[in-house]
Amino acid sequence: MKDQESLSIKILEKEYRVACPAEEKETLIASANMLNEKLNEIKSKGSVIGTERIAVMAALNMSHELLNSQALTEEHAELNDRIDSLSEKIDNTMRNIKLI
């Protein structure tokens, strides 16, 4: 099992102790910072009151962004497949032209 490291992160001015593999420490800190930014952004708008509601809205926004990002990744993969297919057709056509 990977070595676990205890890490203290602060989210909405509250401190949390979490354990994570040493090699994931930087990513966890970056994740906590990103979450904190989203939470503070929602909190500063003042349209949502209550820590729990702010957290739910931040989670919903981040989930939405993630799904949009995944959809774009899938769309790019489909485009790359089409480009590869067209490139192969062009190569085959060029080979056939040289044979004539």
PDB file of N, CA and C in Angstrom:
ATOM      1  N   MET A   1       0.848  -1.180   0.000  1.00  0.00           N
ATOM      2  CA  MET A   1       0.000   0.000   0.000  1.00  0.00           C
ATOM      3  C   MET A   1       0.890   1.238   0.000  1.00  0.00           C
ATOM      4  N   LYS A   2       0.430   2.265  -0.654  1.00  0.00           N
ATOM      5  CA  LYS A   2       1.199   3.496  -0.760  1.00  0.00           C
ATOM      6  C   LYS A   2       1.285   4.181   0.599  1.00  0.00           C
ATOM      7  N   ASP A   3       2.405   4.900   0.800  1.00  0.00           N
ATOM      8  CA  ASP A   3       2.562   5.661   2.038  1.00  0.00           C
ATOM      9  C   ASP A   3       1.562   6.801   2.067  1.00  0.00           C
ATOM     10  N   GLN A   4       0.822   6.883   3.158  1.00  0.00           N
ATOM     11  CA  GLN A   4      -0.161   7.943   3.332  1.00  0.00           C
ATOM     12  C   GLN A   4       0.486   9.105   4.078  1.00  0.00           C
ATOM     13  N   GLU A   5       0.093  10.281   3.692  1.00  0.00           N
ATOM     14  CA  GLU A   5       0.602  11.486   4.328  1.00  0.00           C
ATOM     15  C   GLU A   5      -0.587  12.266   4.860  1.00  0.00           C
ATOM     16  N   SER A   6      -0.469  12.777   6.068  1.00  0.00           N
ATOM     17  CA  SER A   6      -1.527  13.580   6.652  1.00  0.00           C
ATOM     18  C   SER A   6      -1.357  15.020   6.187  1.00  0.00           C
ATOM     19  N   LEU A   7      -2.453  15.607   5.770  1.00  0.00           N
ATOM     20  CA  LEU A   7      -2.409  16.934   5.192  1.00  0.00           C
ATOM     21  C   LEU A   7      -3.525  17.775   5.786  1.00  0.00           C
ATOM     22  N   SER A   8      -3.225  19.013   6.083  1.00  0.00           N
ATOM     23  CA  SER A   8      -4.226  19.934   6.604  1.00  0.00           C
ATOM     24  C   SER A   8      -4.619  20.901   5.491  1.00  0.00           C
ATOM     25  N   ILE A   9      -5.930  20.935   5.192  1.00  0.00           N
ATOM     26  CA  ILE A   9      -6.427  21.868   4.186  1.00  0.00           C
ATOM     27  C   ILE A   9      -7.511  22.732   4.815  1.00  0.00           C
ATOM     28  N   LYS A  10      -7.643  23.931   4.299  1.00  0.00           N
ATOM     29  CA  LYS A  10      -8.625  24.860   4.832  1.00  0.00           C
ATOM     30  C   LYS A  10      -9.661  25.153   3.751  1.00  0.00           C
ATOM     31  N   ILE A  11     -10.922  24.915   4.094  1.00  0.00           N
ATOM     32  CA  ILE A  11     -12.013  25.167   3.165  1.00  0.00           C
ATOM     33  C   ILE A  11     -13.055  26.005   3.891  1.00  0.00           C
ATOM     34  N   LEU A  12     -13.362  27.158   3.309  1.00  0.00           N
ATOM     35  CA  LEU A  12     -14.276  28.126   3.926  1.00  0.00           C
ATOM     36  C   LEU A  12     -13.919  28.388   5.387  1.00  0.00           C
ATOM     37  N   GLU A  13     -12.649  28.682   5.595  1.00  0.00           N
ATOM     38  CA  GLU A  13     -12.116  29.039   6.916  1.00  0.00           C
ATOM     39  C   GLU A  13     -12.197  27.916   7.945  1.00  0.00           C
ATOM     40  N   LYS A  14     -12.490  26.698   7.515  1.00  0.00           N
ATOM     41  CA  LYS A  14     -12.525  25.561   8.432  1.00  0.00           C
ATOM     42  C   LYS A  14     -11.425  24.588   8.024  1.00  0.00           C
ATOM     43  N   GLU A  15     -10.689  24.107   9.019  1.00  0.00           N
ATOM     44  CA  GLU A  15      -9.561  23.241   8.741  1.00  0.00           C
ATOM     45  C   GLU A  15      -9.981  21.776   8.757  1.00  0.00           C
ATOM     46  N   TYR A  16      -9.462  21.030   7.771  1.00  0.00           N
ATOM     47  CA  TYR A  16      -9.734  19.596   7.653  1.00  0.00           C
ATOM     48  C   TYR A  16      -8.413  18.860   7.545  1.00  0.00           C
ATOM     49  N   ARG A  17      -8.320  17.724   8.245  1.00  0.00           N
ATOM     50  CA  ARG A  17      -7.144  16.857   8.139  1.00  0.00           C
ATOM     51  C   ARG A  17      -7.539  15.684   7.257  1.00  0.00           C
ATOM     52  N   VAL A  18      -6.753  15.460   6.223  1.00  0.00           N
ATOM     53  CA  VAL A  18      -7.017  14.355   5.307  1.00  0.00           C
ATOM     54  C   VAL A  18      -5.738  13.565   5.076  1.00  0.00           C
ATOM     55  N   ALA A  19      -5.913  12.314   4.737  1.00  0.00           N
ATOM     56  CA  ALA A  19      -4.775  11.465   4.412  1.00  0.00           C
ATOM     57  C   ALA A  19      -4.769  11.236   2.910  1.00  0.00           C
ATOM     58  N   CYS A  20      -3.589  11.272   2.339  1.00  0.00           N
ATOM     59  CA  CYS A  20      -3.473  11.005   0.907  1.00  0.00           C
ATOM     60  C   CYS A  20      -2.076  10.460   0.620  1.00  0.00           C
ATOM     61  N   PRO A  21      -1.937   9.745  -0.488  1.00  0.00           N
ATOM     62  CA  PRO A  21      -0.602   9.284  -0.881  1.00  0.00           C
ATOM     63  C   PRO A  21       0.309  10.483  -1.120  1.00  0.00           C
ATOM     64  N   ALA A  22       1.557  10.352  -0.748  1.00  0.00           N
ATOM     65  CA  ALA A  22       2.514  11.458  -0.862  1.00  0.00           C
ATOM     66  C   ALA A  22       2.566  12.035  -2.274  1.00  0.00           C
ATOM     67  N   GLU A  23       2.484  11.156  -3.292  1.00  0.00           N
ATOM     68  CA  GLU A  23       2.579  11.633  -4.670  1.00  0.00           C
ATOM     69  C   GLU A  23       1.332  12.390  -5.134  1.00  0.00           C
ATOM     70  N   GLU A  24       0.259  12.343  -4.357  1.00  0.00           N
ATOM     71  CA  GLU A  24      -0.976  13.053  -4.711  1.00  0.00           C
ATOM     72  C   GLU A  24      -1.190  14.325  -3.890  1.00  0.00           C
ATOM     73  N   LYS A  25      -0.226  14.646  -3.052  1.00  0.00           N
ATOM     74  CA  LYS A  25      -0.356  15.802  -2.158  1.00  0.00           C
ATOM     75  C   LYS A  25      -0.589  17.104  -2.924  1.00  0.00           C
ATOM     76  N   GLU A  26       0.222  17.378  -3.937  1.00  0.00           N
ATOM     77  CA  GLU A  26       0.089  18.627  -4.690  1.00  0.00           C
ATOM     78  C   GLU A  26      -1.263  18.723  -5.378  1.00  0.00           C
ATOM     79  N   THR A  27      -1.727  17.613  -5.931  1.00  0.00           N
ATOM     80  CA  THR A  27      -3.020  17.608  -6.611  1.00  0.00           C
ATOM     81  C   THR A  27      -4.152  17.841  -5.628  1.00  0.00           C
ATOM     82  N   LEU A  28      -4.059  17.253  -4.448  1.00  0.00           N
ATOM     83  CA  LEU A  28      -5.086  17.454  -3.433  1.00  0.00           C
ATOM     84  C   LEU A  28      -5.122  18.912  -2.973  1.00  0.00           C
ATOM     85  N   ILE A  29      -3.966  19.506  -2.791  1.00  0.00           N
ATOM     86  CA  ILE A  29      -3.899  20.922  -2.400  1.00  0.00           C
ATOM     87  C   ILE A  29      -4.513  21.793  -3.497  1.00  0.00           C
ATOM     88  N   ALA A  30      -4.177  21.502  -4.755  1.00  0.00           N
ATOM     89  CA  ALA A  30      -4.748  22.259  -5.871  1.00  0.00           C
ATOM     90  C   ALA A  30      -6.264  22.078  -5.926  1.00  0.00           C
ATOM     91  N   SER A  31      -6.740  20.872  -5.658  1.00  0.00           N
ATOM     92  CA  SER A  31      -8.183  20.599  -5.647  1.00  0.00           C
ATOM     93  C   SER A  31      -8.873  21.385  -4.536  1.00  0.00           C
ATOM     94  N   ALA A  32      -8.261  21.402  -3.366  1.00  0.00           N
ATOM     95  CA  ALA A  32      -8.824  22.156  -2.243  1.00  0.00           C
ATOM     96  C   ALA A  32      -8.859  23.646  -2.561  1.00  0.00           C
ATOM     97  N   ASN A  33      -7.815  24.147  -3.203  1.00  0.00           N
ATOM     98  CA  ASN A  33      -7.776  25.562  -3.581  1.00  0.00           C
ATOM     99  C   ASN A  33      -8.856  25.896  -4.601  1.00  0.00           C
ATOM    100  N   MET A  34      -9.040  25.007  -5.579  1.00  0.00           N
ATOM    101  CA  MET A  34     -10.070  25.224  -6.585  1.00  0.00           C
ATOM    102  C   MET A  34     -11.459  25.214  -5.942  1.00  0.00           C
ATOM    103  N   LEU A  35     -11.693  24.264  -5.054  1.00  0.00           N
ATOM    104  CA  LEU A  35     -12.973  24.188  -4.358  1.00  0.00           C
ATOM    105  C   LEU A  35     -13.205  25.449  -3.534  1.00  0.00           C
ATOM    106  N   ASN A  36     -12.191  25.878  -2.832  1.00  0.00           N
ATOM    107  CA  ASN A  36     -12.286  27.087  -2.016  1.00  0.00           C
ATOM    108  C   ASN A  36     -12.636  28.304  -2.872  1.00  0.00           C
ATOM    109  N   GLU A  37     -12.015  28.406  -4.043  1.00  0.00           N
ATOM    110  CA  GLU A  37     -12.317  29.515  -4.947  1.00  0.00           C
ATOM    111  C   GLU A  37     -13.782  29.496  -5.364  1.00  0.00           C
ATOM    112  N   LYS A  38     -14.280  28.312  -5.720  1.00  0.00           N
ATOM    113  CA  LYS A  38     -15.684  28.187  -6.132  1.00  0.00           C
ATOM    114  C   LYS A  38     -16.619  28.538  -4.979  1.00  0.00           C
ATOM    115  N   LEU A  39     -16.315  28.035  -3.802  1.00  0.00           N
ATOM    116  CA  LEU A  39     -17.148  28.310  -2.633  1.00  0.00           C
ATOM    117  C   LEU A  39     -17.178  29.801  -2.322  1.00  0.00           C
ATOM    118  N   ASN A  40     -16.017  30.423  -2.330  1.00  0.00           N
ATOM    119  CA  ASN A  40     -15.940  31.860  -2.035  1.00  0.00           C
ATOM    120  C   ASN A  40     -16.614  32.702  -3.115  1.00  0.00           C
ATOM    121  N   GLU A  41     -16.525  32.250  -4.356  1.00  0.00           N
ATOM    122  CA  GLU A  41     -17.189  32.945  -5.464  1.00  0.00           C
ATOM    123  C   GLU A  41     -18.710  32.944  -5.251  1.00  0.00           C
ATOM    124  N   ILE A  42     -19.256  31.798  -4.910  1.00  0.00           N
ATOM    125  CA  ILE A  42     -20.696  31.688  -4.666  1.00  0.00           C
ATOM    126  C   ILE A  42     -21.090  32.473  -3.426  1.00  0.00           C
ATOM    127  N   LYS A  43     -20.266  32.359  -2.389  1.00  0.00           N
ATOM    128  CA  LYS A  43     -20.548  33.067  -1.140  1.00  0.00           C
ATOM    129  C   LYS A  43     -20.534  34.578  -1.349  1.00  0.00           C
ATOM    130  N   SER A  44     -19.589  35.081  -2.135  1.00  0.00           N
ATOM    131  CA  SER A  44     -19.465  36.524  -2.338  1.00  0.00           C
ATOM    132  C   SER A  44     -20.628  37.114  -3.135  1.00  0.00           C
ATOM    133  N   LYS A  45     -21.262  36.297  -3.957  1.00  0.00           N
ATOM    134  CA  LYS A  45     -22.419  36.774  -4.716  1.00  0.00           C
ATOM    135  C   LYS A  45     -23.614  37.006  -3.802  1.00  0.00           C
ATOM    136  N   GLY A  46     -23.642  36.308  -2.674  1.00  0.00           N
ATOM    137  CA  GLY A  46     -24.692  36.504  -1.692  1.00  0.00           C
ATOM    138  C   GLY A  46     -26.048  35.950  -2.072  1.00  0.00           C
ATOM    139  N   SER A  47     -26.135  35.271  -3.205  1.00  0.00           N
ATOM    140  CA  SER A  47     -27.425  34.741  -3.628  1.00  0.00           C
ATOM    141  C   SER A  47     -27.770  33.413  -2.940  1.00  0.00           C
ATOM    142  N   VAL A  48     -26.768  32.767  -2.354  1.00  0.00           N
ATOM    143  CA  VAL A  48     -26.979  31.500  -1.656  1.00  0.00           C
ATOM    144  C   VAL A  48     -26.538  31.686  -0.215  1.00  0.00           C
ATOM    145  N   ILE A  49     -27.404  31.323   0.709  1.00  0.00           N
ATOM    146  CA  ILE A  49     -27.095  31.495   2.133  1.00  0.00           C
ATOM    147  C   ILE A  49     -26.989  30.122   2.782  1.00  0.00           C
ATOM    148  N   GLY A  50     -25.996  29.970   3.620  1.00  0.00           N
ATOM    149  CA  GLY A  50     -25.784  28.726   4.351  1.00  0.00           C
ATOM    150  C   GLY A  50     -24.646  27.931   3.741  1.00  0.00           C
ATOM    151  N   THR A  51     -23.762  27.474   4.604  1.00  0.00           N
ATOM    152  CA  THR A  51     -22.572  26.752   4.161  1.00  0.00           C
ATOM    153  C   THR A  51     -22.922  25.506   3.365  1.00  0.00           C
ATOM    154  N   GLU A  52     -23.920  24.773   3.827  1.00  0.00           N
ATOM    155  CA  GLU A  52     -24.297  23.540   3.128  1.00  0.00           C
ATOM    156  C   GLU A  52     -24.814  23.840   1.722  1.00  0.00           C
ATOM    157  N   ARG A  53     -25.640  24.850   1.597  1.00  0.00           N
ATOM    158  CA  ARG A  53     -26.168  25.216   0.274  1.00  0.00           C
ATOM    159  C   ARG A  53     -25.060  25.725  -0.640  1.00  0.00           C
ATOM    160  N   ILE A  54     -24.136  26.482  -0.091  1.00  0.00           N
ATOM    161  CA  ILE A  54     -22.997  26.975  -0.878  1.00  0.00           C
ATOM    162  C   ILE A  54     -22.184  25.790  -1.389  1.00  0.00           C
ATOM    163  N   ALA A  55     -21.953  24.811  -0.510  1.00  0.00           N
ATOM    164  CA  ALA A  55     -21.184  23.626  -0.895  1.00  0.00           C
ATOM    165  C   ALA A  55     -21.896  22.840  -1.993  1.00  0.00           C
ATOM    166  N   VAL A  56     -23.208  22.697  -1.871  1.00  0.00           N
ATOM    167  CA  VAL A  56     -23.978  21.969  -2.881  1.00  0.00           C
ATOM    168  C   VAL A  56     -23.910  22.698  -4.220  1.00  0.00           C
ATOM    169  N   MET A  57     -24.059  24.013  -4.204  1.00  0.00           N
ATOM    170  CA  MET A  57     -23.995  24.781  -5.446  1.00  0.00           C
ATOM    171  C   MET A  57     -22.605  24.689  -6.083  1.00  0.00           C
ATOM    172  N   ALA A  58     -21.565  24.743  -5.265  1.00  0.00           N
ATOM    173  CA  ALA A  58     -20.200  24.613  -5.794  1.00  0.00           C
ATOM    174  C   ALA A  58     -20.003  23.231  -6.403  1.00  0.00           C
ATOM    175  N   ALA A  59     -20.479  22.197  -5.722  1.00  0.00           N
ATOM    176  CA  ALA A  59     -20.356  20.828  -6.244  1.00  0.00           C
ATOM    177  C   ALA A  59     -21.121  20.679  -7.550  1.00  0.00           C
ATOM    178  N   LEU A  60     -22.301  21.264  -7.608  1.00  0.00           N
ATOM    179  CA  LEU A  60     -23.109  21.200  -8.826  1.00  0.00           C
ATOM    180  C   LEU A  60     -22.403  21.918  -9.982  1.00  0.00           C
ATOM    181  N   ASN A  61     -21.883  23.106  -9.720  1.00  0.00           N
ATOM    182  CA  ASN A  61     -21.164  23.852 -10.756  1.00  0.00           C
ATOM    183  C   ASN A  61     -19.936  23.100 -11.248  1.00  0.00           C
ATOM    184  N   MET A  62     -19.176  22.526 -10.319  1.00  0.00           N
ATOM    185  CA  MET A  62     -17.959  21.805 -10.696  1.00  0.00           C
ATOM    186  C   MET A  62     -18.295  20.530 -11.465  1.00  0.00           C
ATOM    187  N   SER A  63     -19.366  19.845 -11.066  1.00  0.00           N
ATOM    188  CA  SER A  63     -19.804  18.640 -11.786  1.00  0.00           C
ATOM    189  C   SER A  63     -20.222  18.990 -13.206  1.00  0.00           C
ATOM    190  N   HIS A  64     -20.932  20.104 -13.348  1.00  0.00           N
ATOM    191  CA  HIS A  64     -21.358  20.562 -14.661  1.00  0.00           C
ATOM    192  C   HIS A  64     -20.152  20.862 -15.547  1.00  0.00           C
ATOM    193  N   GLU A  65     -19.166  21.552 -14.995  1.00  0.00           N
ATOM    194  CA  GLU A  65     -17.946  21.865 -15.747  1.00  0.00           C
ATOM    195  C   GLU A  65     -17.218  20.586 -16.156  1.00  0.00           C
ATOM    196  N   LEU A  66     -17.162  19.617 -15.257  1.00  0.00           N
ATOM    197  CA  LEU A  66     -16.490  18.348 -15.551  1.00  0.00           C
ATOM    198  C   LEU A  66     -17.194  17.609 -16.688  1.00  0.00           C
ATOM    199  N   LEU A  67     -18.511  17.536 -16.625  1.00  0.00           N
ATOM    200  CA  LEU A  67     -19.267  16.854 -17.679  1.00  0.00           C
ATOM    201  C   LEU A  67     -19.100  17.557 -19.022  1.00  0.00           C
ATOM    202  N   ASN A  68     -19.110  18.887 -19.017  1.00  0.00           N
ATOM    203  CA  ASN A  68     -18.878  19.626 -20.262  1.00  0.00           C
ATOM    204  C   ASN A  68     -17.488  19.342 -20.813  1.00  0.00           C
ATOM    205  N   SER A  69     -16.518  19.274 -19.939  1.00  0.00           N
ATOM    206  CA  SER A  69     -15.142  18.987 -20.347  1.00  0.00           C
ATOM    207  C   SER A  69     -15.034  17.575 -20.934  1.00  0.00           C
ATOM    208  N   GLN A  70     -15.697  16.611 -20.303  1.00  0.00           N
ATOM    209  CA  GLN A  70     -15.676  15.240 -20.814  1.00  0.00           C
ATOM    210  C   GLN A  70     -16.353  15.155 -22.176  1.00  0.00           C
ATOM    211  N   ALA A  71     -17.448  15.888 -22.348  1.00  0.00           N
ATOM    212  CA  ALA A  71     -18.143  15.891 -23.634  1.00  0.00           C
ATOM    213  C   ALA A  71     -17.244  16.454 -24.726  1.00  0.00           C
ATOM    214  N   LEU A  72     -16.504  17.512 -24.405  1.00  0.00           N
ATOM    215  CA  LEU A  72     -15.573  18.085 -25.378  1.00  0.00           C
ATOM    216  C   LEU A  72     -14.458  17.104 -25.716  1.00  0.00           C
ATOM    217  N   THR A  73     -13.977  16.382 -24.712  1.00  0.00           N
ATOM    218  CA  THR A  73     -12.922  15.395 -24.935  1.00  0.00           C
ATOM    219  C   THR A  73     -13.413  14.299 -25.868  1.00  0.00           C
ATOM    220  N   GLU A  74     -14.651  13.830 -25.650  1.00  0.00           N
ATOM    221  CA  GLU A  74     -15.228  12.805 -26.517  1.00  0.00           C
ATOM    222  C   GLU A  74     -15.410  13.340 -27.935  1.00  0.00           C
ATOM    223  N   GLU A  75     -15.842  14.600 -28.044  1.00  0.00           N
ATOM    224  CA  GLU A  75     -16.025  15.206 -29.357  1.00  0.00           C
ATOM    225  C   GLU A  75     -14.685  15.308 -30.079  1.00  0.00           C
ATOM    226  N   HIS A  76     -13.635  15.678 -29.345  1.00  0.00           N
ATOM    227  CA  HIS A  76     -12.305  15.763 -29.950  1.00  0.00           C
ATOM    228  C   HIS A  76     -11.826  14.386 -30.398  1.00  0.00           C
ATOM    229  N   ALA A  77     -12.120  13.360 -29.613  1.00  0.00           N
ATOM    230  CA  ALA A  77     -11.717  12.000 -29.983  1.00  0.00           C
ATOM    231  C   ALA A  77     -12.415  11.581 -31.275  1.00  0.00           C
ATOM    232  N   GLU A  78     -13.704  11.907 -31.391  1.00  0.00           N
ATOM    233  CA  GLU A  78     -14.447  11.586 -32.611  1.00  0.00           C
ATOM    234  C   GLU A  78     -13.866  12.329 -33.815  1.00  0.00           C
ATOM    235  N   LEU A  79     -13.540  13.597 -33.628  1.00  0.00           N
ATOM    236  CA  LEU A  79     -12.937  14.368 -34.722  1.00  0.00           C
ATOM    237  C   LEU A  79     -11.587  13.798 -35.122  1.00  0.00           C
ATOM    238  N   ASN A  80     -10.791  13.388 -34.130  1.00  0.00           N
ATOM    239  CA  ASN A  80      -9.486  12.794 -34.433  1.00  0.00           C
ATOM    240  C   ASN A  80      -9.657  11.500 -35.216  1.00  0.00           C
ATOM    241  N   ASP A  81     -10.669  10.703 -34.867  1.00  0.00           N
ATOM    242  CA  ASP A  81     -10.941   9.463 -35.606  1.00  0.00           C
ATOM    243  C   ASP A  81     -11.306   9.775 -37.057  1.00  0.00           C
ATOM    244  N   ARG A  82     -12.139  10.802 -37.248  1.00  0.00           N
ATOM    245  CA  ARG A  82     -12.530  11.190 -38.613  1.00  0.00           C
ATOM    246  C   ARG A  82     -11.323  11.678 -39.402  1.00  0.00           C
ATOM    247  N   ILE A  83     -10.467  12.467 -38.742  1.00  0.00           N
ATOM    248  CA  ILE A  83      -9.260  12.968 -39.420  1.00  0.00           C
ATOM    249  C   ILE A  83      -8.357  11.807 -39.811  1.00  0.00           C
ATOM    250  N   ASP A  84      -8.181  10.847 -38.900  1.00  0.00           N
ATOM    251  CA  ASP A  84      -7.357   9.666 -39.202  1.00  0.00           C
ATOM    252  C   ASP A  84      -7.926   8.892 -40.386  1.00  0.00           C
ATOM    253  N   SER A  85      -9.248   8.735 -40.412  1.00  0.00           N
ATOM    254  CA  SER A  85      -9.905   8.009 -41.503  1.00  0.00           C
ATOM    255  C   SER A  85      -9.713   8.729 -42.831  1.00  0.00           C
ATOM    256  N   LEU A  86      -9.916  10.042 -42.820  1.00  0.00           N
ATOM    257  CA  LEU A  86      -9.728  10.824 -44.048  1.00  0.00           C
ATOM    258  C   LEU A  86      -8.270  10.798 -44.504  1.00  0.00           C
ATOM    259  N   SER A  87      -7.363  10.863 -43.561  1.00  0.00           N
ATOM    260  CA  SER A  87      -5.936  10.816 -43.892  1.00  0.00           C
ATOM    261  C   SER A  87      -5.583   9.480 -44.542  1.00  0.00           C
ATOM    262  N   GLU A  88      -6.151   8.413 -44.020  1.00  0.00           N
ATOM    263  CA  GLU A  88      -5.911   7.086 -44.589  1.00  0.00           C
ATOM    264  C   GLU A  88      -6.470   7.005 -46.015  1.00  0.00           C
ATOM    265  N   LYS A  89      -7.652   7.569 -46.228  1.00  0.00           N
ATOM    266  CA  LYS A  89      -8.244   7.576 -47.569  1.00  0.00           C
ATOM    267  C   LYS A  89      -7.385   8.371 -48.535  1.00  0.00           C
ATOM    268  N   ILE A  90      -6.864   9.500 -48.081  1.00  0.00           N
ATOM    269  CA  ILE A  90      -5.987  10.320 -48.925  1.00  0.00           C
ATOM    270  C   ILE A  90      -4.727   9.543 -49.277  1.00  0.00           C
ATOM    271  N   ASP A  91      -4.128   8.875 -48.279  1.00  0.00           N
ATOM    272  CA  ASP A  91      -2.926   8.081 -48.532  1.00  0.00           C
ATOM    273  C   ASP A  91      -3.195   6.982 -49.550  1.00  0.00           C
ATOM    274  N   ASN A  92      -4.328   6.301 -49.399  1.00  0.00           N
ATOM    275  CA  ASN A  92      -4.668   5.227 -50.332  1.00  0.00           C
ATOM    276  C   ASN A  92      -4.892   5.768 -51.741  1.00  0.00           C
ATOM    277  N   THR A  93      -5.558   6.895 -51.837  1.00  0.00           N
ATOM    278  CA  THR A  93      -5.797   7.517 -53.144  1.00  0.00           C
ATOM    279  C   THR A  93      -4.480   7.917 -53.795  1.00  0.00           C
ATOM    280  N   MET A  94      -3.584   8.477 -53.005  1.00  0.00           N
ATOM    281  CA  MET A  94      -2.280   8.901 -53.544  1.00  0.00           C
ATOM    282  C   MET A  94      -1.483   7.683 -54.034  1.00  0.00           C
ATOM    283  N   ARG A  95      -1.559   6.574 -53.289  1.00  0.00           N
ATOM    284  CA  ARG A  95      -0.861   5.357 -53.719  1.00  0.00           C
ATOM    285  C   ARG A  95      -1.458   4.842 -55.018  1.00  0.00           C
ATOM    286  N   ASN A  96      -2.781   4.882 -55.154  1.00  0.00           N
ATOM    287  CA  ASN A  96      -3.450   4.399 -56.362  1.00  0.00           C
ATOM    288  C   ASN A  96      -3.109   5.273 -57.571  1.00  0.00           C
ATOM    289  N   ILE A  97      -2.991   6.573 -57.347  1.00  0.00           N
ATOM    290  CA  ILE A  97      -2.650   7.499 -58.431  1.00  0.00           C
ATOM    291  C   ILE A  97      -1.257   7.195 -58.939  1.00  0.00           C
ATOM    292  N   LYS A  98      -0.334   6.845 -58.080  1.00  0.00           N
ATOM    293  CA  LYS A  98       1.045   6.563 -58.477  1.00  0.00           C
ATOM    294  C   LYS A  98       1.125   5.260 -59.283  1.00  0.00           C
ATOM    295  N   LEU A  99       0.168   4.346 -59.058  1.00  0.00           N
ATOM    296  CA  LEU A  99       0.180   3.066 -59.771  1.00  0.00           C
ATOM    297  C   LEU A  99      -0.310   3.202 -61.209  1.00  0.00           C
ATOM    298  N   ILE A 100      -1.076   4.221 -61.495  1.00  0.00           N
ATOM    299  CA  ILE A 100      -1.669   4.372 -62.836  1.00  0.00           C
ATOM    300  C   ILE A 100      -0.675   4.958 -63.799  1.00  0.00           C
TER     301      ILE A 100
END
